PDB file of all heavy atoms in Angstrom:
ATOM      1  N   ILE A   1     178.460-109.240  25.038  1.00  0.00           N
ATOM      2  CA  ILE A   1     177.816-109.642  26.286  1.00  0.00           C
ATOM      3  C   ILE A   1     176.541-108.838  26.517  1.00  0.00           C
ATOM      4  O   ILE A   1     175.563-109.328  27.065  1.00  0.00           O
ATOM      5  CB  ILE A   1     178.788-109.462  27.470  1.00  0.00           C
ATOM      6  CG1 ILE A   1     180.016-110.367  27.277  1.00  0.00           C
ATOM      7  CG2 ILE A   1     178.110-109.774  28.795  1.00  0.00           C
ATOM      8  CD1 ILE A   1     181.079-110.195  28.329  1.00  0.00           C
ATOM      9  N   VAL A   2     176.543-107.588  26.091  1.00  0.00           N
ATOM     10  CA  VAL A   2     175.371-106.720  26.281  1.00  0.00           C
ATOM     11  C   VAL A   2     174.284-107.029  25.248  1.00  0.00           C
ATOM     12  O   VAL A   2     173.084-106.989  25.547  1.00  0.00           O
ATOM     13  CB  VAL A   2     175.797-105.236  26.173  1.00  0.00           C
ATOM     14  CG1 VAL A   2     174.572-104.324  26.210  1.00  0.00           C
ATOM     15  CG2 VAL A   2     176.754-104.886  27.295  1.00  0.00           C
ATOM     16  N   GLY A   3     174.719-107.392  24.026  1.00  0.00           N
ATOM     17  CA  GLY A   3     173.762-107.534  22.929  1.00  0.00           C
ATOM     18  C   GLY A   3     172.733-108.630  23.138  1.00  0.00           C
ATOM     19  O   GLY A   3     171.542-108.437  22.863  1.00  0.00           O
ATOM     20  N   TYR A   4     173.176-109.783  23.642  1.00  0.00           N
ATOM     21  CA  TYR A   4     172.247-110.909  23.752  1.00  0.00           C
ATOM     22  C   TYR A   4     171.169-110.705  24.816  1.00  0.00           C
ATOM     23  O   TYR A   4     169.986-110.955  24.545  1.00  0.00           O
ATOM     24  CB  TYR A   4     173.022-112.203  23.997  1.00  0.00           C
ATOM     25  CG  TYR A   4     173.709-112.707  22.747  1.00  0.00           C
ATOM     26  CD1 TYR A   4     175.084-112.686  22.640  1.00  0.00           C
ATOM     27  CD2 TYR A   4     172.963-113.178  21.672  1.00  0.00           C
ATOM     28  CE1 TYR A   4     175.710-113.135  21.487  1.00  0.00           C
ATOM     29  CE2 TYR A   4     173.583-113.622  20.519  1.00  0.00           C
ATOM     30  CZ  TYR A   4     174.956-113.607  20.433  1.00  0.00           C
ATOM     31  OH  TYR A   4     175.575-114.047  19.292  1.00  0.00           O
ATOM     32  N   PRO A   5     171.524-110.250  26.042  1.00  0.00           N
ATOM     33  CA  PRO A   5     170.424-109.969  26.974  1.00  0.00           C
ATOM     34  C   PRO A   5     169.519-108.843  26.500  1.00  0.00           C
ATOM     35  O   PRO A   5     168.317-108.854  26.775  1.00  0.00           O
ATOM     36  CB  PRO A   5     171.158-109.593  28.276  1.00  0.00           C
ATOM     37  CG  PRO A   5     172.546-109.260  27.875  1.00  0.00           C
ATOM     38  CD  PRO A   5     172.833-110.094  26.686  1.00  0.00           C
ATOM     39  N   LEU A   6     170.084-107.867  25.766  1.00  0.00           N
ATOM     40  CA  LEU A   6     169.241-106.814  25.212  1.00  0.00           C
ATOM     41  C   LEU A   6     168.250-107.394  24.208  1.00  0.00           C
ATOM     42  O   LEU A   6     167.071-107.016  24.179  1.00  0.00           O
ATOM     43  CB  LEU A   6     170.119-105.760  24.532  1.00  0.00           C
ATOM     44  CG  LEU A   6     169.387-104.595  23.863  1.00  0.00           C
ATOM     45  CD1 LEU A   6     168.567-103.821  24.894  1.00  0.00           C
ATOM     46  CD2 LEU A   6     170.370-103.669  23.160  1.00  0.00           C
ATOM     47  N   ALA A   7     168.725-108.351  23.403  1.00  0.00           N
ATOM     48  CA  ALA A   7     167.823-109.018  22.459  1.00  0.00           C
ATOM     49  C   ALA A   7     166.726-109.768  23.202  1.00  0.00           C
ATOM     50  O   ALA A   7     165.556-109.775  22.780  1.00  0.00           O
ATOM     51  CB  ALA A   7     168.615-109.974  21.574  1.00  0.00           C
ATOM     52  N   GLY A   8     167.091-110.399  24.324  1.00  0.00           N
ATOM     53  CA  GLY A   8     166.084-111.108  25.114  1.00  0.00           C
ATOM     54  C   GLY A   8     165.024-110.169  25.661  1.00  0.00           C
ATOM     55  O   GLY A   8     163.834-110.493  25.669  1.00  0.00           O
ATOM     56  N   LEU A   9     165.442-108.985  26.104  1.00  0.00           N
ATOM     57  CA  LEU A   9     164.483-108.005  26.615  1.00  0.00           C
ATOM     58  C   LEU A   9     163.561-107.504  25.506  1.00  0.00           C
ATOM     59  O   LEU A   9     162.361-107.299  25.728  1.00  0.00           O
ATOM     60  CB  LEU A   9     165.232-106.833  27.253  1.00  0.00           C
ATOM     61  CG  LEU A   9     165.985-107.139  28.553  1.00  0.00           C
ATOM     62  CD1 LEU A   9     166.787-105.924  29.002  1.00  0.00           C
ATOM     63  CD2 LEU A   9     165.007-107.568  29.645  1.00  0.00           C
ATOM     64  N   VAL A  10     164.130-107.307  24.314  1.00  0.00           N
ATOM     65  CA  VAL A  10     163.301-106.860  23.181  1.00  0.00           C
ATOM     66  C   VAL A  10     162.268-107.931  22.832  1.00  0.00           C
ATOM     67  O   VAL A  10     161.099-107.624  22.557  1.00  0.00           O
ATOM     68  CB  VAL A  10     164.195-106.538  21.972  1.00  0.00           C
ATOM     69  CG1 VAL A  10     163.339-106.269  20.726  1.00  0.00           C
ATOM     70  CG2 VAL A  10     165.084-105.338  22.261  1.00  0.00           C
ATOM     71  N   LEU A  11     162.701-109.197  22.830  1.00  0.00           N
ATOM     72  CA  LEU A  11     161.752-110.282  22.560  1.00  0.00           C
ATOM     73  C   LEU A  11     160.655-110.327  23.610  1.00  0.00           C
ATOM     74  O   LEU A  11     159.473-110.539  23.293  1.00  0.00           O
ATOM     75  CB  LEU A  11     162.492-111.620  22.514  1.00  0.00           C
ATOM     76  CG  LEU A  11     163.334-111.917  21.262  1.00  0.00           C
ATOM     77  CD1 LEU A  11     164.107-113.210  21.449  1.00  0.00           C
ATOM     78  CD2 LEU A  11     162.452-112.003  20.021  1.00  0.00           C
ATOM     79  N   LEU A  12     161.035-110.136  24.877  1.00  0.00           N
ATOM     80  CA  LEU A  12     160.047-110.151  25.952  1.00  0.00           C
ATOM     81  C   LEU A  12     159.076-108.993  25.819  1.00  0.00           C
ATOM     82  O   LEU A  12     157.866-109.156  25.987  1.00  0.00           O
ATOM     83  CB  LEU A  12     160.773-110.091  27.298  1.00  0.00           C
ATOM     84  CG  LEU A  12     159.903-110.204  28.552  1.00  0.00           C
ATOM     85  CD1 LEU A  12     159.232-111.568  28.602  1.00  0.00           C
ATOM     86  CD2 LEU A  12     160.755-109.991  29.806  1.00  0.00           C
ATOM     87  N   TRP A  13     159.604-107.825  25.480  1.00  0.00           N
ATOM     88  CA  TRP A  13     158.777-106.620  25.350  1.00  0.00           C
ATOM     89  C   TRP A  13     157.836-106.713  24.148  1.00  0.00           C
ATOM     90  O   TRP A  13     156.689-106.245  24.190  1.00  0.00           O
ATOM     91  CB  TRP A  13     159.683-105.408  25.229  1.00  0.00           C
ATOM     92  CG  TRP A  13     158.967-104.143  24.828  1.00  0.00           C
ATOM     93  CD1 TRP A  13     158.160-103.375  25.609  1.00  0.00           C
ATOM     94  CD2 TRP A  13     158.992-103.534  23.536  1.00  0.00           C
ATOM     95  NE1 TRP A  13     157.678-102.310  24.889  1.00  0.00           N
ATOM     96  CE2 TRP A  13     158.168-102.388  23.612  1.00  0.00           C
ATOM     97  CE3 TRP A  13     159.627-103.837  22.346  1.00  0.00           C
ATOM     98  CZ2 TRP A  13     157.969-101.553  22.516  1.00  0.00           C
ATOM     99  CZ3 TRP A  13     159.437-103.011  21.263  1.00  0.00           C
ATOM    100  CH2 TRP A  13     158.617-101.887  21.348  1.00  0.00           C
ATOM    101  N   SER A  14     158.316-107.327  23.061  1.00  0.00           N
ATOM    102  CA  SER A  14     157.530-107.379  21.823  1.00  0.00           C
ATOM    103  C   SER A  14     156.750-108.684  21.671  1.00  0.00           C
ATOM    104  O   SER A  14     156.193-108.942  20.598  1.00  0.00           O
ATOM    105  CB  SER A  14     158.457-107.218  20.615  1.00  0.00           C
ATOM    106  OG  SER A  14     159.390-108.287  20.558  1.00  0.00           O
ATOM    107  N   HIS A  15     156.709-109.497  22.742  1.00  0.00           N
ATOM    108  CA  HIS A  15     155.992-110.776  22.694  1.00  0.00           C
ATOM    109  C   HIS A  15     156.515-111.664  21.562  1.00  0.00           C
ATOM    110  O   HIS A  15     155.763-112.210  20.748  1.00  0.00           O
ATOM    111  CB  HIS A  15     154.475-110.548  22.549  1.00  0.00           C
ATOM    112  CG  HIS A  15     153.890-109.698  23.633  1.00  0.00           C
ATOM    113  ND1 HIS A  15     153.731-110.133  24.932  1.00  0.00           N
ATOM    114  CD2 HIS A  15     153.473-108.397  23.606  1.00  0.00           C
ATOM    115  CE1 HIS A  15     153.214-109.163  25.669  1.00  0.00           C
ATOM    116  NE2 HIS A  15     153.045-108.096  24.896  1.00  0.00           N
ATOM    117  N   ASN A  16     157.866-111.789  21.524  1.00  0.00           N
ATOM    118  CA  ASN A  16     158.572-112.678  20.587  1.00  0.00           C
ATOM    119  C   ASN A  16     158.439-112.255  19.123  1.00  0.00           C
ATOM    120  O   ASN A  16     158.595-113.085  18.223  1.00  0.00           O
ATOM    121  CB  ASN A  16     158.113-114.133  20.752  1.00  0.00           C
ATOM    122  CG  ASN A  16     158.573-114.724  22.073  1.00  0.00           C
ATOM    123  OD1 ASN A  16     159.694-114.488  22.501  1.00  0.00           O
ATOM    124  ND2 ASN A  16     157.699-115.474  22.717  1.00  0.00           N
ATOM    125  N   GLN A  17     158.187-110.993  18.881  1.00  0.00           N
ATOM    126  CA  GLN A  17     158.213-110.475  17.519  1.00  0.00           C
ATOM    127  C   GLN A  17     159.636-110.009  17.191  1.00  0.00           C
ATOM    128  O   GLN A  17     160.248-109.294  17.977  1.00  0.00           O
ATOM    129  CB  GLN A  17     157.229-109.307  17.365  1.00  0.00           C
ATOM    130  CG  GLN A  17     155.784-109.692  17.601  1.00  0.00           C
ATOM    131  CD  GLN A  17     155.289-110.715  16.607  1.00  0.00           C
ATOM    132  OE1 GLN A  17     155.525-110.601  15.395  1.00  0.00           O
ATOM    133  NE2 GLN A  17     154.602-111.740  17.099  1.00  0.00           N
ATOM    134  N   THR A  18     160.146-110.409  16.034  1.00  0.00           N
ATOM    135  CA  THR A  18     161.559-110.157  15.722  1.00  0.00           C
ATOM    136  C   THR A  18     161.793-108.892  14.894  1.00  0.00           C
ATOM    137  O   THR A  18     162.937-108.564  14.598  1.00  0.00           O
ATOM    138  CB  THR A  18     162.141-111.361  14.952  1.00  0.00           C
ATOM    139  OG1 THR A  18     161.386-111.568  13.750  1.00  0.00           O
ATOM    140  CG2 THR A  18     162.101-112.620  15.803  1.00  0.00           C
ATOM    141  N   THR A  19     160.740-108.185  14.500  1.00  0.00           N
ATOM    142  CA  THR A  19     160.913-107.015  13.640  1.00  0.00           C
ATOM    143  C   THR A  19     161.835-105.974  14.269  1.00  0.00           C
ATOM    144  O   THR A  19     162.748-105.455  13.621  1.00  0.00           O
ATOM    145  CB  THR A  19     159.546-106.381  13.328  1.00  0.00           C
ATOM    146  OG1 THR A  19     158.704-107.357  12.711  1.00  0.00           O
ATOM    147  CG2 THR A  19     159.705-105.192  12.390  1.00  0.00           C
ATOM    148  N   ALA A  20     161.602-105.680  15.543  1.00  0.00           N
ATOM    149  CA  ALA A  20     162.424-104.672  16.223  1.00  0.00           C
ATOM    150  C   ALA A  20     163.886-105.103  16.286  1.00  0.00           C
ATOM    151  O   ALA A  20     164.797-104.274  16.159  1.00  0.00           O
ATOM    152  CB  ALA A  20     161.880-104.429  17.629  1.00  0.00           C
ATOM    153  N   LEU A  21     164.116-106.409  16.455  1.00  0.00           N
ATOM    154  CA  LEU A  21     165.493-106.908  16.513  1.00  0.00           C
ATOM    155  C   LEU A  21     166.225-106.661  15.198  1.00  0.00           C
ATOM    156  O   LEU A  21     167.387-106.240  15.182  1.00  0.00           O
ATOM    157  CB  LEU A  21     165.506-108.398  16.837  1.00  0.00           C
ATOM    158  CG  LEU A  21     165.216-108.785  18.294  1.00  0.00           C
ATOM    159  CD1 LEU A  21     165.202-110.294  18.439  1.00  0.00           C
ATOM    160  CD2 LEU A  21     166.244-108.170  19.212  1.00  0.00           C
ATOM    161  N   PHE A  22     165.552-106.934  14.089  1.00  0.00           N
ATOM    162  CA  PHE A  22     166.191-106.735  12.787  1.00  0.00           C
ATOM    163  C   PHE A  22     166.445-105.253  12.508  1.00  0.00           C
ATOM    164  O   PHE A  22     167.457-104.884  11.904  1.00  0.00           O
ATOM    165  CB  PHE A  22     165.339-107.355  11.674  1.00  0.00           C
ATOM    166  CG  PHE A  22     165.501-108.839  11.562  1.00  0.00           C
ATOM    167  CD1 PHE A  22     164.514-109.697  12.000  1.00  0.00           C
ATOM    168  CD2 PHE A  22     166.661-109.388  11.018  1.00  0.00           C
ATOM    169  CE1 PHE A  22     164.666-111.068  11.903  1.00  0.00           C
ATOM    170  CE2 PHE A  22     166.823-110.753  10.918  1.00  0.00           C
ATOM    171  CZ  PHE A  22     165.829-111.601  11.364  1.00  0.00           C
ATOM    172  N   LEU A  23     165.546-104.383  12.953  1.00  0.00           N
ATOM    173  CA  LEU A  23     165.764-102.951  12.780  1.00  0.00           C
ATOM    174  C   LEU A  23     166.974-102.483  13.586  1.00  0.00           C
ATOM    175  O   LEU A  23     167.825-101.739  13.079  1.00  0.00           O
ATOM    176  CB  LEU A  23     164.511-102.181  13.205  1.00  0.00           C
ATOM    177  CG  LEU A  23     163.290-102.320  12.287  1.00  0.00           C
ATOM    178  CD1 LEU A  23     162.082-101.619  12.898  1.00  0.00           C
ATOM    179  CD2 LEU A  23     163.593-101.740  10.901  1.00  0.00           C
ATOM    180  N   LEU A  24     167.054-102.919  14.841  1.00  0.00           N
ATOM    181  CA  LEU A  24     168.203-102.557  15.668  1.00  0.00           C
ATOM    182  C   LEU A  24     169.500-103.129  15.098  1.00  0.00           C
ATOM    183  O   LEU A  24     170.540-102.469  15.092  1.00  0.00           O
ATOM    184  CB  LEU A  24     167.989-103.056  17.099  1.00  0.00           C
ATOM    185  CG  LEU A  24     166.903-102.339  17.911  1.00  0.00           C
ATOM    186  CD1 LEU A  24     166.664-103.067  19.233  1.00  0.00           C
ATOM    187  CD2 LEU A  24     167.287-100.890  18.161  1.00  0.00           C
ATOM    188  N   ASP A  25     169.429-104.353  14.614  1.00  0.00           N
ATOM    189  CA  ASP A  25     170.613-104.986  14.025  1.00  0.00           C
ATOM    190  C   ASP A  25     171.080-104.205  12.796  1.00  0.00           C
ATOM    191  O   ASP A  25     172.278-103.995  12.585  1.00  0.00           O
ATOM    192  CB  ASP A  25     170.276-106.430  13.646  1.00  0.00           C
ATOM    193  CG  ASP A  25     171.530-107.263  13.435  1.00  0.00           C
ATOM    194  OD1 ASP A  25     172.546-106.984  14.086  1.00  0.00           O
ATOM    195  OD2 ASP A  25     171.485-108.199  12.622  1.00  0.00           O
ATOM    196  N   GLY A  26     170.118-103.780  11.983  1.00  0.00           N
ATOM    197  CA  GLY A  26     170.465-102.992  10.803  1.00  0.00           C
ATOM    198  C   GLY A  26     171.137-101.679  11.164  1.00  0.00           C
ATOM    199  O   GLY A  26     172.080-101.247  10.495  1.00  0.00           O
ATOM    200  N   LEU A  27     170.672-101.048  12.242  1.00  0.00           N
ATOM    201  CA  LEU A  27     171.277 -99.795  12.680  1.00  0.00           C
ATOM    202  C   LEU A  27     172.726-100.002  13.137  1.00  0.00           C
ATOM    203  O   LEU A  27     173.578 -99.139  12.923  1.00  0.00           O
ATOM    204  CB  LEU A  27     170.450 -99.180  13.811  1.00  0.00           C
ATOM    205  CG  LEU A  27     169.083 -98.614  13.407  1.00  0.00           C
ATOM    206  CD1 LEU A  27     168.314 -98.150  14.637  1.00  0.00           C
ATOM    207  CD2 LEU A  27     169.247 -97.470  12.405  1.00  0.00           C
ATOM    208  N   THR A  28     173.012-101.146  13.781  1.00  0.00           N
ATOM    209  CA  THR A  28     174.391-101.397  14.210  1.00  0.00           C
ATOM    210  C   THR A  28     175.315-101.545  13.003  1.00  0.00           C
ATOM    211  O   THR A  28     176.461-101.070  13.023  1.00  0.00           O
ATOM    212  CB  THR A  28     174.481-102.660  15.083  1.00  0.00           C
ATOM    213  OG1 THR A  28     174.117-103.810  14.317  1.00  0.00           O
ATOM    214  CG2 THR A  28     173.582-102.538  16.298  1.00  0.00           C
ATOM    215  N   PHE A  29     174.846-102.210  11.949  1.00  0.00           N
ATOM    216  CA  PHE A  29     175.665-102.339  10.743  1.00  0.00           C
ATOM    217  C   PHE A  29     175.859-100.990  10.066  1.00  0.00           C
ATOM    218  O   PHE A  29     176.942-100.689   9.548  1.00  0.00           O
ATOM    219  CB  PHE A  29     175.018-103.331   9.762  1.00  0.00           C
ATOM    220  CG  PHE A  29     175.286-104.760  10.111  1.00  0.00           C
ATOM    221  CD1 PHE A  29     174.314-105.524  10.730  1.00  0.00           C
ATOM    222  CD2 PHE A  29     176.512-105.354   9.825  1.00  0.00           C
ATOM    223  CE1 PHE A  29     174.555-106.848  11.064  1.00  0.00           C
ATOM    224  CE2 PHE A  29     176.764-106.669  10.150  1.00  0.00           C
ATOM    225  CZ  PHE A  29     175.778-107.421  10.776  1.00  0.00           C
ATOM    226  N   LEU A  30     174.810-100.181  10.072  1.00  0.00           N
ATOM    227  CA  LEU A  30     174.923 -98.844   9.493  1.00  0.00           C
ATOM    228  C   LEU A  30     175.937 -98.017  10.272  1.00  0.00           C
ATOM    229  O   LEU A  30     176.783 -97.325   9.681  1.00  0.00           O
ATOM    230  CB  LEU A  30     173.558 -98.155   9.496  1.00  0.00           C
ATOM    231  CG  LEU A  30     173.532 -96.716   8.960  1.00  0.00           C
ATOM    232  CD1 LEU A  30     173.992 -96.683   7.505  1.00  0.00           C
ATOM    233  CD2 LEU A  30     172.132 -96.124   9.089  1.00  0.00           C
TER     234      LEU A  30
END
């Protein structure tokens, strides 16, 4: 429930750039 709105905020902050999302996603898997 927390992850998806956080992703929306990252998209809003980065002007729809997905690089930061993939980095954060990679850290969660790590």
